[in-house]
C-alpha cells in the first residue's frame, strides 16, 4: 500500500535476498495497478542485474517519486526478474501472509 491505497497484490512474488539489504519482493507486472505508476527518467545500473528503470506512484492524492523499479532487459543471470516490479519496502506499507511488515531502515528510508 502507498498512502493508504493498494497498489499491488500478489501471491507469487519472487523474493530476492542480497547481502546487507532487506528482502526485495519482485511482483509480476500483471499484479500491479499500472495505472497508478508514472514513468520516471531515473535509471540505475546493477552489475548483478542490469539497468533498472523507475516509476513514481500516484496514490492517496500524492506522488511518491521513484518508488518502483524493474529490470526490463536484465542480464542473463537475472532473467527471472524480467516482467517483475519491485517497491522500496522502506517506503510502502507491506503485508506478507496477512501480517504487516515493519519498514526496514536503509539508506533509502
PDB file of N, CA and C in Angstrom:
ATOM      1  N   UNK A   1       0.839  -1.182   0.000  1.00  0.00           N
ATOM      2  CA  UNK A   1       0.000   0.000   0.000  1.00  0.00           C
ATOM      3  C   UNK A   1       0.880   1.240   0.000  1.00  0.00           C
ATOM      4  N   UNK A   2       0.380   2.263  -0.697  1.00  0.00           N
ATOM      5  CA  UNK A   2       1.055   3.555  -0.727  1.00  0.00           C
ATOM      6  C   UNK A   2       0.008   4.613  -0.398  1.00  0.00           C
ATOM      7  N   UNK A   3       0.276   5.400   0.613  1.00  0.00           N
ATOM      8  CA  UNK A   3      -0.650   6.457   1.044  1.00  0.00           C
ATOM      9  C   UNK A   3      -2.070   5.923   1.219  1.00  0.00           C
ATOM     10  N   UNK A   4      -2.189   4.716   1.786  1.00  0.00           N
ATOM     11  CA  UNK A   4      -3.483   4.133   2.087  1.00  0.00           C
ATOM     12  C   UNK A   4      -4.177   3.432   0.929  1.00  0.00           C
ATOM     13  N   UNK A   5      -3.560   3.368  -0.236  1.00  0.00           N
ATOM     14  CA  UNK A   5      -4.163   2.702  -1.396  1.00  0.00           C
ATOM     15  C   UNK A   5      -3.371   1.460  -1.786  1.00  0.00           C
ATOM     16  N   UNK A   6      -4.103   0.402  -2.119  1.00  0.00           N
ATOM     17  CA  UNK A   6      -3.455  -0.823  -2.589  1.00  0.00           C
ATOM     18  C   UNK A   6      -2.933  -0.574  -3.998  1.00  0.00           C
ATOM     19  N   UNK A   7      -1.649  -0.775  -4.186  1.00  0.00           N
ATOM     20  CA  UNK A   7      -1.009  -0.567  -5.484  1.00  0.00           C
ATOM     21  C   UNK A   7      -0.654  -1.910  -6.117  1.00  0.00           C
ATOM     22  N   UNK A   8      -0.410  -2.916  -5.303  1.00  0.00           N
ATOM     23  CA  UNK A   8      -0.061  -4.236  -5.822  1.00  0.00           C
ATOM     24  C   UNK A   8      -0.533  -5.289  -4.834  1.00  0.00           C
ATOM     25  N   UNK A   9      -0.922  -6.422  -5.398  1.00  0.00           N
ATOM     26  CA  UNK A   9      -1.315  -7.560  -4.572  1.00  0.00           C
ATOM     27  C   UNK A   9      -0.971  -8.828  -5.342  1.00  0.00           C
ATOM     28  N   UNK A  10      -0.224  -9.708  -4.685  1.00  0.00           N
ATOM     29  CA  UNK A  10       0.211 -10.920  -5.371  1.00  0.00           C
ATOM     30  C   UNK A  10       0.345 -12.071  -4.391  1.00  0.00           C
ATOM     31  N   UNK A  11       0.243 -13.262  -4.916  1.00  0.00           N
ATOM     32  CA  UNK A  11       0.553 -14.450  -4.134  1.00  0.00           C
ATOM     33  C   UNK A  11       1.705 -15.215  -4.801  1.00  0.00           C
ATOM     34  N   UNK A  12       2.434 -14.498  -5.670  1.00  0.00           N
ATOM     35  CA  UNK A  12       3.537 -15.131  -6.405  1.00  0.00           C
ATOM     36  C   UNK A  12       4.739 -14.209  -6.592  1.00  0.00           C
ATOM     37  N   UNK A  13       5.206 -13.585  -5.508  1.00  0.00           N
ATOM     38  CA  UNK A  13       6.386 -12.727  -5.671  1.00  0.00           C
ATOM     39  C   UNK A  13       7.651 -13.564  -5.830  1.00  0.00           C
ATOM     40  N   UNK A  14       8.646 -12.956  -6.413  1.00  0.00           N
ATOM     41  CA  UNK A  14       9.998 -13.508  -6.392  1.00  0.00           C
ATOM     42  C   UNK A  14      10.725 -12.702  -5.316  1.00  0.00           C
ATOM     43  N   UNK A  15      11.251 -13.376  -4.324  1.00  0.00           N
ATOM     44  CA  UNK A  15      11.912 -12.691  -3.214  1.00  0.00           C
ATOM     45  C   UNK A  15      13.413 -12.800  -3.425  1.00  0.00           C
ATOM     46  N   UNK A  16      14.060 -11.639  -3.468  1.00  0.00           N
ATOM     47  CA  UNK A  16      15.499 -11.580  -3.713  1.00  0.00           C
ATOM     48  C   UNK A  16      16.203 -11.174  -2.426  1.00  0.00           C
ATOM     49  N   UNK A  17      17.158 -11.974  -2.004  1.00  0.00           N
ATOM     50  CA  UNK A  17      17.953 -11.694  -0.816  1.00  0.00           C
ATOM     51  C   UNK A  17      19.348 -11.270  -1.267  1.00  0.00           C
ATOM     52  N   UNK A  18      19.728 -10.040  -0.898  1.00  0.00           N
ATOM     53  CA  UNK A  18      21.050  -9.526  -1.233  1.00  0.00           C
ATOM     54  C   UNK A  18      21.747  -9.124   0.058  1.00  0.00           C
ATOM     55  N   UNK A  19      23.031  -9.341   0.122  1.00  0.00           N
ATOM     56  CA  UNK A  19      23.816  -9.034   1.311  1.00  0.00           C
ATOM     57  C   UNK A  19      23.640  -7.575   1.722  1.00  0.00           C
ATOM     58  N   UNK A  20      23.287  -7.359   2.986  1.00  0.00           N
ATOM     59  CA  UNK A  20      23.191  -6.012   3.536  1.00  0.00           C
ATOM     60  C   UNK A  20      21.910  -5.268   3.197  1.00  0.00           C
ATOM     61  N   UNK A  21      20.977  -5.905   2.492  1.00  0.00           N
ATOM     62  CA  UNK A  21      19.717  -5.254   2.124  1.00  0.00           C
ATOM     63  C   UNK A  21      18.548  -6.074   2.637  1.00  0.00           C
ATOM     64  N   UNK A  22      17.397  -5.417   2.840  1.00  0.00           N
ATOM     65  CA  UNK A  22      16.209  -6.185   3.216  1.00  0.00           C
ATOM     66  C   UNK A  22      15.754  -7.038   2.028  1.00  0.00           C
ATOM     67  N   UNK A  23      14.982  -8.087   2.271  1.00  0.00           N
ATOM     68  CA  UNK A  23      14.450  -8.869   1.148  1.00  0.00           C
ATOM     69  C   UNK A  23      13.664  -7.954   0.206  1.00  0.00           C
ATOM     70  N   UNK A  24      13.828  -8.167  -1.079  1.00  0.00           N
ATOM     71  CA  UNK A  24      13.110  -7.380  -2.087  1.00  0.00           C
ATOM     72  C   UNK A  24      12.074  -8.280  -2.748  1.00  0.00           C
ATOM     73  N   UNK A  25      10.849  -7.785  -2.796  1.00  0.00           N
ATOM     74  CA  UNK A  25       9.735  -8.531  -3.360  1.00  0.00           C
ATOM     75  C   UNK A  25       9.487  -8.053  -4.784  1.00  0.00           C
ATOM     76  N   UNK A  26       9.810  -8.888  -5.741  1.00  0.00           N
ATOM     77  CA  UNK A  26       9.568  -8.577  -7.148  1.00  0.00           C
ATOM     78  C   UNK A  26       8.214  -9.164  -7.518  1.00  0.00           C
ATOM     79  N   UNK A  27       7.311  -8.290  -7.947  1.00  0.00           N
ATOM     80  CA  UNK A  27       5.907  -8.642  -8.167  1.00  0.00           C
ATOM     81  C   UNK A  27       5.637  -8.704  -9.670  1.00  0.00           C
ATOM     82  N   UNK A  28       4.950  -9.750 -10.119  1.00  0.00           N
ATOM     83  CA  UNK A  28       4.607  -9.794 -11.542  1.00  0.00           C
ATOM     84  C   UNK A  28       3.850  -8.534 -11.971  1.00  0.00           C
ATOM     85  N   UNK A  29       4.200  -8.021 -13.121  1.00  0.00           N
ATOM     86  CA  UNK A  29       3.610  -6.777 -13.641  1.00  0.00           C
ATOM     87  C   UNK A  29       2.087  -6.812 -13.630  1.00  0.00           C
ATOM     88  N   UNK A  30       1.495  -7.949 -13.963  1.00  0.00           N
ATOM     89  CA  UNK A  30       0.044  -8.025 -14.028  1.00  0.00           C
ATOM     90  C   UNK A  30      -0.625  -7.996 -12.648  1.00  0.00           C
ATOM     91  N   UNK A  31       0.155  -8.051 -11.563  1.00  0.00           N
ATOM     92  CA  UNK A  31      -0.386  -7.956 -10.204  1.00  0.00           C
ATOM     93  C   UNK A  31      -0.220  -6.558  -9.609  1.00  0.00           C
ATOM     94  N   UNK A  32       0.202  -5.615 -10.440  1.00  0.00           N
ATOM     95  CA  UNK A  32       0.421  -4.225 -10.021  1.00  0.00           C
ATOM     96  C   UNK A  32      -0.592  -3.339 -10.739  1.00  0.00           C
ATOM     97  N   UNK A  33      -1.136  -2.375 -10.037  1.00  0.00           N
ATOM     98  CA  UNK A  33      -2.062  -1.417 -10.648  1.00  0.00           C
ATOM     99  C   UNK A  33      -1.237  -0.398 -11.448  1.00  0.00           C
ATOM    100  N   UNK A  34      -0.930  -0.777 -12.659  1.00  0.00           N
ATOM    101  CA  UNK A  34      -0.050   0.002 -13.538  1.00  0.00           C
ATOM    102  C   UNK A  34      -0.562   1.424 -13.741  1.00  0.00           C
ATOM    103  N   UNK A  35      -1.873   1.609 -13.719  1.00  0.00           N
ATOM    104  CA  UNK A  35      -2.438   2.956 -13.931  1.00  0.00           C
ATOM    105  C   UNK A  35      -2.020   3.938 -12.840  1.00  0.00           C
ATOM    106  N   UNK A  36      -1.495   3.448 -11.722  1.00  0.00           N
ATOM    107  CA  UNK A  36      -1.049   4.317 -10.635  1.00  0.00           C
ATOM    108  C   UNK A  36       0.426   4.694 -10.776  1.00  0.00           C
ATOM    109  N   UNK A  37       1.111   4.096 -11.758  1.00  0.00           N
ATOM    110  CA  UNK A  37       2.541   4.340 -11.939  1.00  0.00           C
ATOM    111  C   UNK A  37       2.780   5.393 -13.009  1.00  0.00           C
ATOM    112  N   UNK A  38       3.769   6.240 -12.755  1.00  0.00           N
ATOM    113  CA  UNK A  38       4.163   7.295 -13.679  1.00  0.00           C
ATOM    114  C   UNK A  38       5.641   7.066 -14.019  1.00  0.00           C
ATOM    115  N   UNK A  39       5.960   6.869 -15.306  1.00  0.00           N
ATOM    116  CA  UNK A  39       7.365   6.626 -15.674  1.00  0.00           C
ATOM    117  C   UNK A  39       8.275   7.764 -15.216  1.00  0.00           C
ATOM    118  N   UNK A  40       9.457   7.394 -14.776  1.00  0.00           N
ATOM    119  CA  UNK A  40      10.474   8.342 -14.324  1.00  0.00           C
ATOM    120  C   UNK A  40      11.626   8.329 -15.326  1.00  0.00           C
ATOM    121  N   UNK A  41      12.409   9.360 -15.315  1.00  0.00           N
ATOM    122  CA  UNK A  41      13.612   9.377 -16.152  1.00  0.00           C
ATOM    123  C   UNK A  41      14.789   8.695 -15.455  1.00  0.00           C
ATOM    124  N   UNK A  42      14.630   8.374 -14.178  1.00  0.00           N
ATOM    125  CA  UNK A  42      15.720   7.781 -13.408  1.00  0.00           C
ATOM    126  C   UNK A  42      16.021   6.362 -13.884  1.00  0.00           C
ATOM    127  N   UNK A  43      17.296   6.051 -13.955  1.00  0.00           N
ATOM    128  CA  UNK A  43      17.775   4.688 -14.176  1.00  0.00           C
ATOM    129  C   UNK A  43      18.977   4.471 -13.263  1.00  0.00           C
ATOM    130  N   UNK A  44      19.210   3.227 -12.902  1.00  0.00           N
ATOM    131  CA  UNK A  44      20.416   2.869 -12.156  1.00  0.00           C
ATOM    132  C   UNK A  44      20.994   1.609 -12.779  1.00  0.00           C
ATOM    133  N   UNK A  45      22.246   1.358 -12.511  1.00  0.00           N
ATOM    134  CA  UNK A  45      22.944   0.196 -13.065  1.00  0.00           C
ATOM    135  C   UNK A  45      23.358  -0.726 -11.923  1.00  0.00           C
ATOM    136  N   UNK A  46      23.034  -1.991 -12.043  1.00  0.00           N
ATOM    137  CA  UNK A  46      23.460  -3.000 -11.080  1.00  0.00           C
ATOM    138  C   UNK A  46      24.303  -4.038 -11.829  1.00  0.00           C
ATOM    139  N   UNK A  47      25.514  -4.313 -11.377  1.00  0.00           N
ATOM    140  CA  UNK A  47      26.351  -5.277 -12.092  1.00  0.00           C
ATOM    141  C   UNK A  47      25.782  -6.692 -12.067  1.00  0.00           C
ATOM    142  N   UNK A  48      24.905  -6.986 -11.098  1.00  0.00           N
ATOM    143  CA  UNK A  48      24.338  -8.339 -10.977  1.00  0.00           C
ATOM    144  C   UNK A  48      23.003  -8.504 -11.692  1.00  0.00           C
ATOM    145  N   UNK A  49      22.350  -7.377 -12.063  1.00  0.00           N
ATOM    146  CA  UNK A  49      21.017  -7.477 -12.669  1.00  0.00           C
ATOM    147  C   UNK A  49      20.864  -6.685 -13.959  1.00  0.00           C
ATOM    148  N   UNK A  50      21.588  -5.601 -14.120  1.00  0.00           N
ATOM    149  CA  UNK A  50      21.481  -4.790 -15.328  1.00  0.00           C
ATOM    150  C   UNK A  50      21.002  -3.377 -15.021  1.00  0.00           C
ATOM    151  N   UNK A  51      20.320  -2.768 -15.990  1.00  0.00           N
ATOM    152  CA  UNK A  51      19.822  -1.392 -15.856  1.00  0.00           C
ATOM    153  C   UNK A  51      18.387  -1.419 -15.353  1.00  0.00           C
ATOM    154  N   UNK A  52      18.134  -0.665 -14.285  1.00  0.00           N
ATOM    155  CA  UNK A  52      16.788  -0.567 -13.714  1.00  0.00           C
ATOM    156  C   UNK A  52      16.117   0.713 -14.183  1.00  0.00           C
ATOM    157  N   UNK A  53      14.860   0.581 -14.573  1.00  0.00           N
ATOM    158  CA  UNK A  53      14.006   1.731 -14.892  1.00  0.00           C
ATOM    159  C   UNK A  53      13.102   1.973 -13.686  1.00  0.00           C
ATOM    160  N   UNK A  54      12.693   3.239 -13.487  1.00  0.00           N
ATOM    161  CA  UNK A  54      11.911   3.601 -12.306  1.00  0.00           C
ATOM    162  C   UNK A  54      10.564   4.210 -12.669  1.00  0.00           C
ATOM    163  N   UNK A  55       9.638   4.123 -11.692  1.00  0.00           N
ATOM    164  CA  UNK A  55       8.328   4.753 -11.783  1.00  0.00           C
ATOM    165  C   UNK A  55       8.022   5.411 -10.452  1.00  0.00           C
ATOM    166  N   UNK A  56       7.270   6.500 -10.512  1.00  0.00           N
ATOM    167  CA  UNK A  56       6.703   7.117  -9.319  1.00  0.00           C
ATOM    168  C   UNK A  56       5.303   6.552  -9.155  1.00  0.00           C
ATOM    169  N   UNK A  57       4.725   6.710  -7.971  1.00  0.00           N
ATOM    170  CA  UNK A  57       3.386   6.196  -7.698  1.00  0.00           C
ATOM    171  C   UNK A  57       2.489   7.356  -7.297  1.00  0.00           C
ATOM    172  N   UNK A  58       1.324   7.445  -7.945  1.00  0.00           N
ATOM    173  CA  UNK A  58       0.299   8.417  -7.561  1.00  0.00           C
ATOM    174  C   UNK A  58      -0.774   7.672  -6.781  1.00  0.00           C
ATOM    175  N   UNK A  59      -0.849   7.974  -5.473  1.00  0.00           N
ATOM    176  CA  UNK A  59      -1.800   7.298  -4.591  1.00  0.00           C
ATOM    177  C   UNK A  59      -2.147   8.222  -3.434  1.00  0.00           C
ATOM    178  N   UNK A  60      -3.376   8.146  -2.985  1.00  0.00           N
ATOM    179  CA  UNK A  60      -3.798   8.953  -1.843  1.00  0.00           C
ATOM    180  C   UNK A  60      -3.649  10.432  -2.080  1.00  0.00           C
ATOM    181  N   UNK A  61      -3.773  10.862  -3.344  1.00  0.00           N
ATOM    182  CA  UNK A  61      -3.677  12.279  -3.672  1.00  0.00           C
ATOM    183  C   UNK A  61      -2.262  12.830  -3.677  1.00  0.00           C
ATOM    184  N   UNK A  62      -1.261  11.959  -3.590  1.00  0.00           N
ATOM    185  CA  UNK A  62       0.128  12.401  -3.587  1.00  0.00           C
ATOM    186  C   UNK A  62       0.942  11.579  -4.575  1.00  0.00           C
ATOM    187  N   UNK A  63       2.091  12.104  -4.943  1.00  0.00           N
ATOM    188  CA  UNK A  63       3.022  11.373  -5.809  1.00  0.00           C
ATOM    189  C   UNK A  63       4.270  11.046  -5.007  1.00  0.00           C
ATOM    190  N   UNK A  64       4.624   9.768  -4.994  1.00  0.00           N
ATOM    191  CA  UNK A  64       5.850   9.298  -4.343  1.00  0.00           C
ATOM    192  C   UNK A  64       6.851   9.008  -5.456  1.00  0.00           C
ATOM    193  N   UNK A  65       7.919   9.781  -5.485  1.00  0.00           N
ATOM    194  CA  UNK A  65       8.880   9.727  -6.589  1.00  0.00           C
ATOM    195  C   UNK A  65       9.757   8.474  -6.545  1.00  0.00           C
ATOM    196  N   UNK A  66       9.971   7.893  -7.714  1.00  0.00           N
ATOM    197  CA  UNK A  66      10.941   6.807  -7.915  1.00  0.00           C
ATOM    198  C   UNK A  66      10.801   5.704  -6.863  1.00  0.00           C
ATOM    199  N   UNK A  67       9.589   5.238  -6.682  1.00  0.00           N
ATOM    200  CA  UNK A  67       9.274   4.260  -5.635  1.00  0.00           C
ATOM    201  C   UNK A  67       9.360   2.817  -6.127  1.00  0.00           C
ATOM    202  N   UNK A  68       9.309   2.634  -7.441  1.00  0.00           N
ATOM    203  CA  UNK A  68       9.219   1.304  -8.046  1.00  0.00           C
ATOM    204  C   UNK A  68      10.304   1.175  -9.113  1.00  0.00           C
ATOM    205  N   UNK A  69      10.899  -0.017  -9.204  1.00  0.00           N
ATOM    206  CA  UNK A  69      11.861  -0.231 -10.279  1.00  0.00           C
ATOM    207  C   UNK A  69      11.659  -1.606 -10.902  1.00  0.00           C
ATOM    208  N   UNK A  70      12.246  -1.753 -12.082  1.00  0.00           N
ATOM    209  CA  UNK A  70      12.157  -3.009 -12.811  1.00  0.00           C
ATOM    210  C   UNK A  70      13.367  -3.131 -13.732  1.00  0.00           C
ATOM    211  N   UNK A  71      13.791  -4.367 -13.923  1.00  0.00           N
ATOM    212  CA  UNK A  71      14.847  -4.661 -14.890  1.00  0.00           C
ATOM    213  C   UNK A  71      14.148  -5.179 -16.142  1.00  0.00           C
ATOM    214  N   UNK A  72      13.899  -4.276 -17.080  1.00  0.00           N
ATOM    215  CA  UNK A  72      13.133  -4.637 -18.266  1.00  0.00           C
ATOM    216  C   UNK A  72      13.921  -5.523 -19.219  1.00  0.00           C
ATOM    217  N   UNK A  73      15.234  -5.400 -19.192  1.00  0.00           N
ATOM    218  CA  UNK A  73      16.103  -6.228 -20.021  1.00  0.00           C
ATOM    219  C   UNK A  73      17.299  -6.657 -19.167  1.00  0.00           C
ATOM    220  N   UNK A  74      17.053  -7.538 -18.168  1.00  0.00           N
ATOM    221  CA  UNK A  74      18.135  -7.899 -17.243  1.00  0.00           C
ATOM    222  C   UNK A  74      19.227  -8.712 -17.929  1.00  0.00           C
ATOM    223  N   UNK A  75      20.387  -8.740 -17.268  1.00  0.00           N
ATOM    224  CA  UNK A  75      21.456  -9.583 -17.778  1.00  0.00           C
ATOM    225  C   UNK A  75      21.002 -11.048 -17.646  1.00  0.00           C
ATOM    226  N   UNK A  76      21.609 -11.971 -18.396  1.00  0.00           N
ATOM    227  CA  UNK A  76      21.143 -13.363 -18.397  1.00  0.00           C
ATOM    228  C   UNK A  76      21.023 -14.002 -17.011  1.00  0.00           C
ATOM    229  N   UNK A  77      21.945 -13.687 -16.097  1.00  0.00           N
ATOM    230  CA  UNK A  77      21.903 -14.279 -14.752  1.00  0.00           C
ATOM    231  C   UNK A  77      20.699 -13.827 -13.939  1.00  0.00           C
ATOM    232  N   UNK A  78      20.063 -12.735 -14.328  1.00  0.00           N
ATOM    233  CA  UNK A  78      18.903 -12.200 -13.606  1.00  0.00           C
ATOM    234  C   UNK A  78      17.631 -12.279 -14.441  1.00  0.00           C
ATOM    235  N   UNK A  79      17.607 -13.154 -15.419  1.00  0.00           N
ATOM    236  CA  UNK A  79      16.475 -13.241 -16.346  1.00  0.00           C
ATOM    237  C   UNK A  79      15.138 -13.474 -15.641  1.00  0.00           C
ATOM    238  N   UNK A  80      15.133 -14.101 -14.463  1.00  0.00           N
ATOM    239  CA  UNK A  80      13.886 -14.366 -13.735  1.00  0.00           C
ATOM    240  C   UNK A  80      13.229 -13.088 -13.217  1.00  0.00           C
ATOM    241  N   UNK A  81      13.958 -11.965 -13.195  1.00  0.00           N
ATOM    242  CA  UNK A  81      13.404 -10.698 -12.726  1.00  0.00           C
ATOM    243  C   UNK A  81      12.603  -9.988 -13.827  1.00  0.00           C
ATOM    244  N   UNK A  82      12.781 -10.396 -15.069  1.00  0.00           N
ATOM    245  CA  UNK A  82      12.097  -9.744 -16.190  1.00  0.00           C
ATOM    246  C   UNK A  82      10.582  -9.843 -15.998  1.00  0.00           C
ATOM    247  N   UNK A  83       9.892  -8.728 -16.255  1.00  0.00           N
ATOM    248  CA  UNK A  83       8.446  -8.703 -16.119  1.00  0.00           C
ATOM    249  C   UNK A  83       7.960  -8.512 -14.697  1.00  0.00           C
ATOM    250  N   UNK A  84       8.865  -8.219 -13.776  1.00  0.00           N
ATOM    251  CA  UNK A  84       8.509  -8.020 -12.371  1.00  0.00           C
ATOM    252  C   UNK A  84       8.880  -6.606 -11.934  1.00  0.00           C
ATOM    253  N   UNK A  85       8.106  -6.077 -11.005  1.00  0.00           N
ATOM    254  CA  UNK A  85       8.343  -4.744 -10.440  1.00  0.00           C
ATOM    255  C   UNK A  85       8.651  -4.886  -8.957  1.00  0.00           C
ATOM    256  N   UNK A  86       9.481  -3.989  -8.451  1.00  0.00           N
ATOM    257  CA  UNK A  86       9.856  -4.015  -7.046  1.00  0.00           C
ATOM    258  C   UNK A  86       9.634  -2.633  -6.435  1.00  0.00           C
ATOM    259  N   UNK A  87       9.067  -2.619  -5.231  1.00  0.00           N
ATOM    260  CA  UNK A  87       8.813  -1.387  -4.491  1.00  0.00           C
ATOM    261  C   UNK A  87       9.848  -1.265  -3.377  1.00  0.00           C
ATOM    262  N   UNK A  88      10.274  -0.037  -3.089  1.00  0.00           N
ATOM    263  CA  UNK A  88      11.123   0.181  -1.923  1.00  0.00           C
ATOM    264  C   UNK A  88      10.287  -0.156  -0.691  1.00  0.00           C
ATOM    265  N   UNK A  89      10.540  -1.302  -0.056  1.00  0.00           N
ATOM    266  CA  UNK A  89       9.739  -1.647   1.117  1.00  0.00           C
ATOM    267  C   UNK A  89      10.045  -0.751   2.315  1.00  0.00           C
ATOM    268  N   UNK A  90      11.037   0.128   2.179  1.00  0.00           N
ATOM    269  CA  UNK A  90      11.288   1.146   3.200  1.00  0.00           C
ATOM    270  C   UNK A  90      10.226   2.247   3.149  1.00  0.00           C
ATOM    271  N   UNK A  91       9.468   2.337   2.047  1.00  0.00           N
ATOM    272  CA  UNK A  91       8.573   3.468   1.821  1.00  0.00           C
ATOM    273  C   UNK A  91       7.128   3.072   1.538  1.00  0.00           C
ATOM    274  N   UNK A  92       6.798   1.796   1.684  1.00  0.00           N
ATOM    275  CA  UNK A  92       5.428   1.335   1.448  1.00  0.00           C
ATOM    276  C   UNK A  92       4.954   0.542   2.663  1.00  0.00           C
ATOM    277  N   UNK A  93       3.644   0.358   2.761  1.00  0.00           N
ATOM    278  CA  UNK A  93       3.078  -0.498   3.798  1.00  0.00           C
ATOM    279  C   UNK A  93       2.921  -1.881   3.191  1.00  0.00           C
ATOM    280  N   UNK A  94       3.723  -2.813   3.662  1.00  0.00           N
ATOM    281  CA  UNK A  94       3.818  -4.145   3.085  1.00  0.00           C
ATOM    282  C   UNK A  94       3.216  -5.168   4.033  1.00  0.00           C
ATOM    283  N   UNK A  95       2.369  -6.027   3.480  1.00  0.00           N
ATOM    284  CA  UNK A  95       1.846  -7.169   4.228  1.00  0.00           C
ATOM    285  C   UNK A  95       2.336  -8.435   3.564  1.00  0.00           C
ATOM    286  N   UNK A  96       2.746  -9.390   4.375  1.00  0.00           N
ATOM    287  CA  UNK A  96       3.131 -10.712   3.883  1.00  0.00           C
ATOM    288  C   UNK A  96       2.404 -11.739   4.737  1.00  0.00           C
ATOM    289  N   UNK A  97       1.678 -12.627   4.087  1.00  0.00           N
ATOM    290  CA  UNK A  97       0.868 -13.623   4.796  1.00  0.00           C
ATOM    291  C   UNK A  97      -0.058 -12.959   5.814  1.00  0.00           C
ATOM    292  N   UNK A  98      -0.707 -11.869   5.396  1.00  0.00           N
ATOM    293  CA  UNK A  98      -1.688 -11.119   6.193  1.00  0.00           C
ATOM    294  C   UNK A  98      -1.093 -10.448   7.424  1.00  0.00           C
ATOM    295  N   UNK A  99       0.230 -10.347   7.498  1.00  0.00           N
ATOM    296  CA  UNK A  99       0.881  -9.665   8.617  1.00  0.00           C
ATOM    297  C   UNK A  99       1.614  -8.441   8.108  1.00  0.00           C
ATOM    298  N   UNK A 100       1.328  -7.290   8.750  1.00  0.00           N
ATOM    299  CA  UNK A 100       2.016  -6.060   8.367  1.00  0.00           C
ATOM    300  C   UNK A 100       3.489  -6.181   8.707  1.00  0.00           C
ATOM    301  N   UNK A 101       4.328  -5.810   7.740  1.00  0.00           N
ATOM    302  CA  UNK A 101       5.771  -5.894   7.915  1.00  0.00           C
ATOM    303  C   UNK A 101       6.322  -4.537   8.367  1.00  0.00           C
ATOM    304  N   UNK A 102       7.303  -4.598   9.234  1.00  0.00           N
ATOM    305  CA  UNK A 102       7.965  -3.365   9.679  1.00  0.00           C
ATOM    306  C   UNK A 102       8.824  -2.824   8.543  1.00  0.00           C
ATOM    307  N   UNK A 103       8.822  -1.522   8.383  1.00  0.00           N
ATOM    308  CA  UNK A 103       9.650  -0.917   7.336  1.00  0.00           C
ATOM    309  C   UNK A 103      11.116  -0.994   7.731  1.00  0.00           C
ATOM    310  N   UNK A 104      11.953  -1.567   6.870  1.00  0.00           N
ATOM    311  CA  UNK A 104      13.381  -1.633   7.194  1.00  0.00           C
ATOM    312  C   UNK A 104      14.021  -0.248   7.132  1.00  0.00           C
ATOM    313  N   UNK A 105      15.093  -0.073   7.849  1.00  0.00           N
ATOM    314  CA  UNK A 105      15.842   1.166   7.830  1.00  0.00           C
ATOM    315  C   UNK A 105      17.091   0.957   6.983  1.00  0.00           C
ATOM    316  N   UNK A 106      17.168   1.700   5.873  1.00  0.00           N
ATOM    317  CA  UNK A 106      18.317   1.607   4.983  1.00  0.00           C
ATOM    318  C   UNK A 106      18.664   3.015   4.511  1.00  0.00           C
ATOM    319  N   UNK A 107      19.608   3.112   3.597  1.00  0.00           N
ATOM    320  CA  UNK A 107      19.982   4.415   3.024  1.00  0.00           C
ATOM    321  C   UNK A 107      18.827   5.042   2.249  1.00  0.00           C
ATOM    322  N   UNK A 108      17.787   4.259   1.892  1.00  0.00           N
ATOM    323  CA  UNK A 108      16.649   4.779   1.131  1.00  0.00           C
ATOM    324  C   UNK A 108      15.453   5.123   2.013  1.00  0.00           C
ATOM    325  N   UNK A 109      15.587   4.971   3.330  1.00  0.00           N
ATOM    326  CA  UNK A 109      14.480   5.256   4.262  1.00  0.00           C
ATOM    327  C   UNK A 109      14.145   6.733   4.291  1.00  0.00           C
TER     328      UNK A 109
END
